[in-house]
Amino acid sequence: MEVMPVVAIHGAAVPLLRVMKVSGVPLLRASQVRGWISRQGARLSAAEVTALSAAAERLFLSYEEHRAGKSL
């Protein structure tokens, strides 16, 4: 599995017509991230998705837990 960094920027002015990069990392408007990911072509296997999902469940609070003010 290859991991590619990207920075999603909310609220600041980011050019729409070109991708700015810092040290090779694309800086995108948050609204551009979905399309950027789709154009990358790489896909995860079912096993990789399962592993990432399990890790996220261990490392991050659920929406409900976050709203209830729980902490890790």
C-alpha atoms as a PDB file:
ATOM      1  CA  MET A   1       0.000   0.000   0.000  1.00  0.00           C
ATOM      2  CA  GLU A   2       1.363   3.412  -0.953  1.00  0.00           C
ATOM      3  CA  VAL A   3       0.486   6.395   1.234  1.00  0.00           C
ATOM      4  CA  MET A   4       0.386   9.829  -0.379  1.00  0.00           C
ATOM      5  CA  PRO A   5       0.204  12.978   1.756  1.00  0.00           C
ATOM      6  CA  VAL A   6      -2.134  15.846   0.911  1.00  0.00           C
ATOM      7  CA  VAL A   7      -3.062  18.989   2.850  1.00  0.00           C
ATOM      8  CA  ALA A   8      -6.709  20.117   2.730  1.00  0.00           C
ATOM      9  CA  ILE A   9      -7.043  23.849   3.362  1.00  0.00           C
ATOM     10  CA  HIS A  10     -10.244  25.369   4.716  1.00  0.00           C
ATOM     11  CA  GLY A  11     -10.881  29.093   4.541  1.00  0.00           C
ATOM     12  CA  ALA A  12      -7.665  30.335   2.885  1.00  0.00           C
ATOM     13  CA  ALA A  13      -7.300  31.372  -0.741  1.00  0.00           C
ATOM     14  CA  VAL A  14      -5.846  28.497  -2.759  1.00  0.00           C
ATOM     15  CA  PRO A  15      -5.615  28.687  -6.590  1.00  0.00           C
ATOM     16  CA  LEU A  16      -8.253  26.577  -8.331  1.00  0.00           C
ATOM     17  CA  LEU A  17      -6.491  26.012 -11.638  1.00  0.00           C
ATOM     18  CA  ARG A  18      -3.187  24.582 -10.453  1.00  0.00           C
ATOM     19  CA  VAL A  19      -1.994  22.354  -7.643  1.00  0.00           C
ATOM     20  CA  MET A  20       0.485  24.068  -5.351  1.00  0.00           C
ATOM     21  CA  LYS A  21       3.040  21.779  -3.710  1.00  0.00           C
ATOM     22  CA  VAL A  22       5.348  22.211  -0.742  1.00  0.00           C
ATOM     23  CA  SER A  23       8.107  19.608  -0.492  1.00  0.00           C
ATOM     24  CA  GLY A  24       6.106  17.494  -2.951  1.00  0.00           C
ATOM     25  CA  VAL A  25       2.905  17.598  -0.861  1.00  0.00           C
ATOM     26  CA  PRO A  26      -0.140  18.989  -2.702  1.00  0.00           C
ATOM     27  CA  LEU A  27      -2.015  21.860  -1.028  1.00  0.00           C
ATOM     28  CA  LEU A  28      -5.660  21.749  -2.076  1.00  0.00           C
ATOM     29  CA  ARG A  29      -8.909  23.437  -1.213  1.00  0.00           C
ATOM     30  CA  ALA A  30     -10.919  21.049   0.905  1.00  0.00           C
ATOM     31  CA  SER A  31     -13.498  20.876  -1.892  1.00  0.00           C
ATOM     32  CA  GLN A  32     -10.809  19.589  -4.304  1.00  0.00           C
ATOM     33  CA  VAL A  33      -9.612  16.648  -2.193  1.00  0.00           C
ATOM     34  CA  ARG A  34     -12.261  14.118  -3.255  1.00  0.00           C
ATOM     35  CA  GLY A  35     -11.511  14.652  -6.946  1.00  0.00           C
ATOM     36  CA  TRP A  36      -7.756  14.548  -6.329  1.00  0.00           C
ATOM     37  CA  ILE A  37      -8.048  11.223  -4.519  1.00  0.00           C
ATOM     38  CA  SER A  38     -10.232   9.804  -7.302  1.00  0.00           C
ATOM     39  CA  ARG A  39      -7.681  10.781  -9.971  1.00  0.00           C
ATOM     40  CA  GLN A  40      -4.779   9.047  -8.205  1.00  0.00           C
ATOM     41  CA  GLY A  41      -5.832   5.646  -9.491  1.00  0.00           C
ATOM     42  CA  ALA A  42      -4.559   3.673  -6.506  1.00  0.00           C
ATOM     43  CA  ARG A  43      -7.116   1.473  -4.783  1.00  0.00           C
ATOM     44  CA  LEU A  44      -7.004  -0.433  -1.532  1.00  0.00           C
ATOM     45  CA  SER A  45      -7.771  -4.111  -1.241  1.00  0.00           C
ATOM     46  CA  ALA A  46     -10.587  -5.264   1.035  1.00  0.00           C
ATOM     47  CA  ALA A  47      -7.988  -6.435   3.560  1.00  0.00           C
ATOM     48  CA  GLU A  48      -6.269  -3.020   3.559  1.00  0.00           C
ATOM     49  CA  VAL A  49      -9.592  -1.232   4.079  1.00  0.00           C
ATOM     50  CA  THR A  50     -10.410  -3.572   6.971  1.00  0.00           C
ATOM     51  CA  ALA A  51      -7.009  -2.939   8.573  1.00  0.00           C
ATOM     52  CA  LEU A  52      -7.329   0.845   8.210  1.00  0.00           C
ATOM     53  CA  SER A  53     -10.866   0.805   9.583  1.00  0.00           C
ATOM     54  CA  ALA A  54      -9.815  -1.232  12.609  1.00  0.00           C
ATOM     55  CA  ALA A  55      -6.906   1.130  13.282  1.00  0.00           C
ATOM     56  CA  ALA A  56      -9.172   4.187  13.026  1.00  0.00           C
ATOM     57  CA  GLU A  57     -11.660   2.649  15.451  1.00  0.00           C
ATOM     58  CA  ARG A  58      -8.834   2.077  17.956  1.00  0.00           C
ATOM     59  CA  LEU A  59      -7.224   5.494  17.527  1.00  0.00           C
ATOM     60  CA  PHE A  60     -10.139   7.908  17.122  1.00  0.00           C
ATOM     61  CA  LEU A  61     -13.337   8.633  19.000  1.00  0.00           C
ATOM     62  CA  SER A  62     -16.604   7.939  17.239  1.00  0.00           C
ATOM     63  CA  TYR A  63     -18.804  10.911  16.358  1.00  0.00           C
ATOM     64  CA  GLU A  64     -21.108  10.061  19.266  1.00  0.00           C
ATOM     65  CA  GLU A  65     -18.215   9.777  21.732  1.00  0.00           C
ATOM     66  CA  HIS A  66     -16.777  13.075  20.532  1.00  0.00           C
ATOM     67  CA  ARG A  67     -20.154  14.826  20.910  1.00  0.00           C
ATOM     68  CA  ALA A  68     -20.467  13.389  24.426  1.00  0.00           C
ATOM     69  CA  GLY A  69     -17.129  14.996  25.357  1.00  0.00           C
ATOM     70  CA  LYS A  70     -15.192  11.787  25.900  1.00  0.00           C
ATOM     71  CA  SER A  71     -11.431  11.796  25.446  1.00  0.00           C
ATOM     72  CA  LEU A  72      -8.915   9.172  24.463  1.00  0.00           C
END
